[in-house]
């Protein structure tokens, strides 16, 4: 039976071999099995404790799709090389589908790691943006034939430096509400992530950049790195959080039924100050012919006053707001 190279012929002079195809199928198998295992683990976990599992599931599913494409010799384009090596003087096979995978996965890995710290949401999003910036710079640089590709390479390095400073500097100095055990695990994870993300630009410089490594060697190195930062790192990270109370992370749902319950009554654990509105408030107001929700308590804005007049809400006693409590709910 004809293999992928026969069914999907290479469109570049320097391309992957059957050995690379076999290795790519192995990597795909690891990611696909990881996807199934994480999916099962996701359904076993109680509702409201699946935040990290959901992110991991997205990462594994995306990588499975990317490696299935590369193992089928799809998702690549020929690019004229800047440096000639091994007698190949025309074009090199560049797999853009790999960069689509990184564009989705790299920010998610950072979000998953930084969500365990006390870093502000705006700083987490900025760090995730730098991951997008680095991946896009690497993709554009790989598709450029001239020496201008190294300008994109430098910009990608600068973005990675911001990421390394964020996870090893600012994030580790924040307050970890989940405790010192999570802090120590975060520091190890940040160091691990820094070391192996440093390897990616090195492989890029020898493959898509300098054309020293063959496309087959490129696949071997990138595959090893993806497996290390994929199943190995993610399973280790999530397993380390198995005994941590998710409420300490401060995750909160904005789902209506989580905030107000199925009958419209405020969920005490989901409000910002613990005050609840009886379920009879809305129904009583509607039965009296008045506008429902007038003068009711909003979990973000506090308790509104009820005025007496033509549009007053009659027959409803508003509870006094309790003291502030920690808001944590399902994600």
Protein backbone atom coordinates (compact mmCIF):
# COMPACT_ATOMS: atom_id res chain seq x y z
CA UNK A 1 0.00 0.00 0.00
CA UNK A 2 1.33 3.40 -0.96
CA UNK A 3 2.38 5.65 1.87
CA UNK A 4 1.80 9.36 2.47
CA UNK A 5 4.74 10.39 0.26
CA UNK A 6 3.11 8.58 -2.67
CA UNK A 7 -0.42 9.75 -1.99
CA UNK A 8 0.64 13.29 -1.12
CA UNK A 9 3.86 13.91 -3.09
CA UNK A 10 6.31 16.46 -1.66
CA UNK A 11 6.27 19.85 -3.37
CA UNK A 12 9.82 20.89 -2.42
CA UNK A 13 13.32 19.73 -3.33
CA UNK A 14 14.32 19.10 0.29
CA UNK A 15 11.50 17.30 2.05
CA UNK A 16 10.76 14.74 4.76
CA UNK A 17 11.48 11.04 4.26
CA UNK A 18 9.65 7.84 5.15
CA UNK A 19 11.62 7.72 8.39
CA UNK A 20 10.19 11.13 9.36
CA UNK A 21 6.71 9.91 8.42
CA UNK A 22 7.06 6.94 10.79
CA UNK A 23 8.25 9.21 13.62
CA UNK A 24 5.38 11.64 13.04
CA UNK A 25 2.86 8.82 13.35
CA UNK A 26 4.44 7.87 16.69
CA UNK A 27 4.12 11.45 17.97
CA UNK A 28 0.54 11.61 16.70
CA UNK A 29 -0.26 8.42 18.63
CA UNK A 30 1.07 9.91 21.87
CA UNK A 31 -1.01 13.05 21.45
CA UNK A 32 -4.13 11.17 20.41
CA UNK A 33 -3.91 8.81 23.39
CA UNK A 34 -3.28 11.81 25.64
CA UNK A 35 -6.41 13.43 24.24
CA UNK A 36 -8.51 10.38 25.11
CA UNK A 37 -7.01 10.10 28.60
CA UNK A 38 -7.58 13.78 29.33
CA UNK A 39 -11.12 13.53 28.00
CA UNK A 40 -11.82 10.68 30.43
CA UNK A 41 -10.17 12.55 33.30
CA UNK A 42 -12.21 15.63 32.38
CA UNK A 43 -15.51 13.79 32.85
CA UNK A 44 -14.38 12.15 36.07
CA UNK A 45 -13.62 15.51 37.69
CA UNK A 46 -16.54 17.27 39.44
CA UNK A 47 -18.11 20.20 37.69
CA UNK A 48 -16.25 23.37 38.60
CA UNK A 49 -12.81 21.72 38.86
CA UNK A 50 -12.07 21.19 35.18
CA UNK A 51 -10.37 24.47 34.24
CA UNK A 52 -6.88 23.04 33.75
CA UNK A 53 -8.25 19.81 32.27
CA UNK A 54 -10.24 21.74 29.65
CA UNK A 55 -7.15 23.67 28.55
CA UNK A 56 -5.11 20.46 28.37
CA UNK A 57 -7.82 18.80 26.29
CA UNK A 58 -7.68 21.65 23.75
CA UNK A 59 -3.88 21.44 23.57
CA UNK A 60 -3.82 17.68 23.01
CA UNK A 61 -6.61 17.75 20.42
CA UNK A 62 -4.89 20.54 18.48
CA UNK A 63 -1.56 18.71 18.50
CA UNK A 64 -3.25 15.50 17.33
CA UNK A 65 -4.70 17.33 14.35
CA UNK A 66 -1.38 18.97 13.49
CA UNK A 67 0.66 15.77 13.70
CA UNK A 68 -1.91 13.80 11.74
CA UNK A 69 -1.52 16.39 8.97
CA UNK A 70 2.28 16.29 9.04
CA UNK A 71 2.37 12.49 9.19
CA UNK A 72 0.19 12.54 6.07
CA UNK A 73 2.68 14.94 4.43
CA UNK A 74 0.08 17.69 4.38
CA UNK A 75 0.10 21.27 5.61
CA UNK A 76 3.43 22.25 4.01
CA UNK A 77 4.59 24.71 1.37
CA UNK A 78 7.89 25.05 -0.58
CA UNK A 79 10.10 28.00 0.28
CA UNK A 80 13.31 28.97 -1.48
CA UNK A 81 16.25 28.59 0.89
CA UNK A 82 18.76 31.28 1.76
CA UNK A 83 21.64 28.85 2.40
CA UNK A 84 22.38 25.80 0.26
CA UNK A 85 23.36 22.56 1.98
CA UNK A 86 23.69 18.89 1.01
CA UNK A 87 23.34 19.63 -2.68
CA UNK A 88 19.81 21.04 -2.37
CA UNK A 89 19.81 24.45 -3.97
CA UNK A 90 16.15 25.22 -4.60
CA UNK A 91 13.33 24.86 -2.10
CA UNK A 92 12.72 23.46 1.39
CA UNK A 93 9.50 21.99 2.77
CA UNK A 94 8.05 24.31 5.45
CA UNK A 95 5.16 22.94 7.52
CA UNK A 96 2.90 25.88 8.32
CA UNK A 97 0.46 23.56 10.11
CA UNK A 98 3.03 23.28 12.91
CA UNK A 99 2.82 27.02 13.50
CA UNK A 100 -0.98 26.85 13.64
CA UNK A 101 -0.55 24.27 16.37
CA UNK A 102 1.87 26.49 18.30
CA UNK A 103 -0.34 29.56 17.79
CA UNK A 104 -3.14 27.79 19.67
CA UNK A 105 -1.13 25.78 22.19
CA UNK A 106 1.69 28.06 23.35
CA UNK A 107 -0.57 30.79 24.83
CA UNK A 108 -2.79 28.13 26.42
CA UNK A 109 0.18 26.51 28.16
CA UNK A 110 1.17 29.91 29.56
CA UNK A 111 -2.40 30.68 30.65
CA UNK A 112 -2.63 27.32 32.39
CA UNK A 113 0.67 27.86 34.21
CA UNK A 114 0.06 31.51 35.16
CA UNK A 115 -3.48 30.84 36.36
CA UNK A 116 -1.97 28.94 39.27
CA UNK A 117 -0.11 32.09 40.33
CA UNK A 118 -1.43 35.38 41.66
CA UNK A 119 -0.60 37.28 38.47
CA UNK A 120 -3.21 39.79 37.33
CA UNK A 121 -5.42 38.86 34.39
CA UNK A 122 -4.09 41.74 32.28
CA UNK A 123 -0.52 40.50 32.76
CA UNK A 124 -1.54 36.95 31.88
CA UNK A 125 -3.19 38.14 28.66
CA UNK A 126 -0.14 40.24 27.77
CA UNK A 127 2.11 37.23 28.26
CA UNK A 128 -0.22 35.14 26.07
CA UNK A 129 -0.08 37.85 23.39
CA UNK A 130 3.71 37.66 23.38
CA UNK A 131 3.39 33.93 22.71
CA UNK A 132 1.20 34.70 19.68
CA UNK A 133 3.71 37.34 18.59
CA UNK A 134 6.63 34.91 18.83
CA UNK A 135 4.85 32.18 16.84
CA UNK A 136 3.70 34.54 14.08
CA UNK A 137 7.22 36.00 13.83
CA UNK A 138 8.64 32.50 13.47
CA UNK A 139 6.11 31.59 10.78
CA UNK A 140 6.71 34.72 8.70
CA UNK A 141 10.45 34.29 9.06
CA UNK A 142 10.24 30.67 7.91
CA UNK A 143 8.31 31.73 4.80
CA UNK A 144 10.77 34.51 3.86
CA UNK A 145 13.52 33.47 1.46
CA UNK A 146 15.91 36.39 1.98
CA UNK A 147 18.04 37.37 4.95
CA UNK A 148 15.16 39.48 6.26
CA UNK A 149 13.95 36.29 7.94
CA UNK A 150 16.45 36.93 10.72
CA UNK A 151 14.70 40.18 11.60
CA UNK A 152 11.59 38.16 12.41
CA UNK A 153 13.77 35.73 14.32
CA UNK A 154 15.08 38.55 16.54
CA UNK A 155 11.54 39.80 17.20
CA UNK A 156 10.49 36.30 18.21
CA UNK A 157 13.43 36.09 20.63
CA UNK A 158 12.46 39.42 22.20
CA UNK A 159 8.90 38.17 22.71
CA UNK A 160 10.24 34.99 24.33
CA UNK A 161 12.43 37.08 26.63
CA UNK A 162 9.32 38.92 27.82
CA UNK A 163 7.64 35.57 28.49
CA UNK A 164 10.64 34.25 30.42
CA UNK A 165 10.78 37.42 32.51
CA UNK A 166 7.06 37.21 33.21
CA UNK A 167 6.95 33.59 34.40
CA UNK A 168 10.29 33.64 36.25
CA UNK A 169 10.14 37.17 37.63
CA UNK A 170 6.85 38.95 38.12
CA UNK A 171 4.63 35.86 38.43
CA UNK A 172 6.71 34.07 41.06
CA UNK A 173 6.76 37.19 43.27
CA UNK A 174 2.96 37.45 43.41
CA UNK A 175 0.78 36.20 46.26
CA UNK A 176 -0.13 32.55 45.80
CA UNK A 177 -3.52 32.15 47.46
CA UNK A 178 -3.33 28.39 46.90
CA UNK A 179 -0.36 28.10 49.25
CA UNK A 180 3.40 27.60 49.24
CA UNK A 181 3.08 24.12 47.76
CA UNK A 182 1.60 25.57 44.58
CA UNK A 183 4.26 28.30 44.59
CA UNK A 184 7.11 25.78 44.65
CA UNK A 185 5.44 23.72 41.92
CA UNK A 186 4.96 26.85 39.84
CA UNK A 187 8.63 27.80 40.16
CA UNK A 188 9.68 24.34 38.97
CA UNK A 189 7.20 24.48 36.10
CA UNK A 190 8.35 27.95 35.05
CA UNK A 191 11.98 26.85 35.01
CA UNK A 192 11.10 23.73 33.04
CA UNK A 193 9.13 25.77 30.51
CA UNK A 194 11.96 28.29 30.14
CA UNK A 195 14.61 25.67 29.41
CA UNK A 196 12.63 23.88 26.72
CA UNK A 197 11.16 26.95 25.04
CA UNK A 198 14.77 28.09 24.69
CA UNK A 199 15.36 25.03 22.49
CA UNK A 200 12.75 25.99 19.89
CA UNK A 201 14.61 29.00 18.44
CA UNK A 202 17.79 26.92 18.34
CA UNK A 203 16.07 24.27 16.22
CA UNK A 204 14.45 26.99 14.08
CA UNK A 205 17.84 28.59 13.39
CA UNK A 206 19.28 25.25 12.22
CA UNK A 207 16.27 24.19 10.15
CA UNK A 208 13.86 26.80 8.73
CA UNK A 209 16.46 29.52 9.19
CA UNK A 210 19.88 28.14 8.34
CA UNK A 211 18.79 25.03 6.40
CA UNK A 212 21.44 22.98 8.22
CA UNK A 213 19.12 20.33 9.63
CA UNK A 214 17.18 18.30 7.09
CA UNK A 215 13.36 18.40 7.27
CA UNK A 216 13.56 14.90 8.77
CA UNK A 217 15.91 16.05 11.54
CA UNK A 218 13.66 19.04 12.09
CA UNK A 219 10.69 16.73 12.62
CA UNK A 220 12.60 14.63 15.15
CA UNK A 221 13.68 17.60 17.27
CA UNK A 222 10.38 19.45 17.16
CA UNK A 223 8.53 16.23 17.91
CA UNK A 224 10.63 15.59 21.02
CA UNK A 225 10.12 19.15 22.26
CA UNK A 226 6.38 19.05 21.62
CA UNK A 227 6.06 15.80 23.54
CA UNK A 228 8.03 17.20 26.47
CA UNK A 229 5.98 20.40 26.68
CA UNK A 230 2.80 18.55 25.79
CA UNK A 231 1.85 15.31 27.57
CA UNK A 232 4.88 15.15 29.86
CA UNK A 233 4.67 18.69 31.26
CA UNK A 234 0.88 19.04 31.27
CA UNK A 235 0.11 15.73 32.99
CA UNK A 236 2.81 16.45 35.56
CA UNK A 237 1.45 19.96 36.17
CA UNK A 238 -2.21 18.97 36.51
CA UNK A 239 -1.42 15.91 38.62
CA UNK A 240 0.47 18.18 41.00
CA UNK A 241 -2.72 20.22 41.54
CA UNK A 242 -4.93 17.20 42.26
CA UNK A 243 -5.20 17.92 46.01
CA UNK A 244 -5.52 21.72 45.77
CA UNK A 245 -8.90 23.27 46.56
CA UNK A 246 -10.03 25.05 43.36
CA UNK A 247 -11.76 27.74 45.41
CA UNK A 248 -8.33 29.06 46.41
CA UNK A 249 -7.66 30.02 42.79
CA UNK A 250 -10.61 32.43 42.82
CA UNK A 251 -12.17 31.03 39.65
CA UNK A 252 -15.72 32.27 39.11
CA UNK A 253 -18.51 31.49 36.68
CA UNK A 254 -20.71 34.09 34.99
CA UNK A 255 -23.33 31.52 34.05
CA UNK A 256 -26.82 32.75 35.02
CA UNK A 257 -27.94 29.51 36.65
CA UNK A 258 -24.75 29.40 38.72
CA UNK A 259 -25.28 32.96 39.93
CA UNK A 260 -29.03 32.92 40.47
CA UNK A 261 -30.05 29.24 40.48
CA UNK A 262 -32.64 27.57 38.26
CA UNK A 263 -35.53 29.59 39.76
CA UNK A 264 -33.77 32.95 39.69
CA UNK A 265 -32.72 32.92 43.36
CA UNK A 266 -29.23 34.20 44.03
CA UNK A 267 -26.67 31.51 44.77
CA UNK A 268 -24.98 32.49 48.06
CA UNK A 269 -21.62 31.02 47.03
CA UNK A 270 -21.64 32.85 43.71
CA UNK A 271 -22.40 36.40 44.93
CA UNK A 272 -19.73 38.88 45.83
CA UNK A 273 -21.13 39.76 49.27
CA UNK A 274 -23.11 36.69 50.22
CA UNK A 275 -26.53 38.45 50.21
CA UNK A 276 -29.36 36.55 48.53
CA UNK A 277 -32.72 37.52 47.09
CA UNK A 278 -35.61 35.21 47.89
CA UNK A 279 -36.98 33.42 44.88
CA UNK A 280 -40.38 34.96 45.69
CA UNK A 281 -39.07 38.45 44.96
CA UNK A 282 -39.44 38.23 41.21
CA UNK A 283 -42.65 36.25 41.23
CA UNK A 284 -44.21 38.50 43.86
CA UNK A 285 -43.38 41.63 41.92
CA UNK A 286 -44.72 40.16 38.71
CA UNK A 287 -47.95 39.11 40.42
CA UNK A 288 -48.44 42.65 41.75
CA UNK A 289 -48.08 44.06 38.26
CA UNK A 290 -44.79 45.78 38.82
CA UNK A 291 -41.59 45.61 36.85
CA UNK A 292 -39.54 42.60 38.00
CA UNK A 293 -36.01 43.31 39.11
CA UNK A 294 -36.68 46.94 40.23
CA UNK A 295 -34.58 47.62 43.30
CA UNK A 296 -33.23 44.08 43.52
CA UNK A 297 -29.76 43.14 44.63
CA UNK A 298 -27.07 42.71 41.96
CA UNK A 299 -24.03 40.66 42.95
CA UNK A 300 -21.63 43.18 41.41
CA UNK A 301 -23.37 46.47 42.32
CA UNK A 302 -24.73 45.85 45.84
CA UNK A 303 -28.29 46.31 47.11
CA UNK A 304 -30.30 49.03 45.41
CA UNK A 305 -32.76 51.09 47.41
CA UNK A 306 -36.50 50.63 46.92
CA UNK A 307 -38.46 53.86 46.49
CA UNK A 308 -42.16 54.22 47.34
CA UNK A 309 -44.27 55.76 44.60
CA UNK A 310 -46.20 54.92 41.49
CA UNK A 311 -43.45 52.53 40.32
CA UNK A 312 -42.51 51.25 43.79
CA UNK A 313 -41.98 47.57 44.46
CA UNK A 314 -44.61 46.74 47.13
CA UNK A 315 -44.67 43.82 49.49
CA UNK A 316 -40.99 42.91 49.10
CA UNK A 317 -38.54 43.05 51.96
CA UNK A 318 -34.95 43.44 50.80
CA UNK A 319 -32.36 41.70 53.02
CA UNK A 320 -29.46 43.68 54.38
CA UNK A 321 -26.17 42.76 52.63
CA UNK A 322 -23.93 40.49 54.60
CA UNK A 323 -20.24 41.02 55.00
CA UNK A 324 -17.92 40.32 52.02
CA UNK A 325 -16.94 36.75 51.35
CA UNK A 326 -14.67 35.12 48.84
CA UNK A 327 -16.34 34.53 45.48
CA UNK A 328 -15.44 31.28 43.85
CA UNK A 329 -17.50 29.18 41.55
CA UNK A 330 -17.29 26.83 38.63
CA UNK A 331 -15.34 27.70 35.55
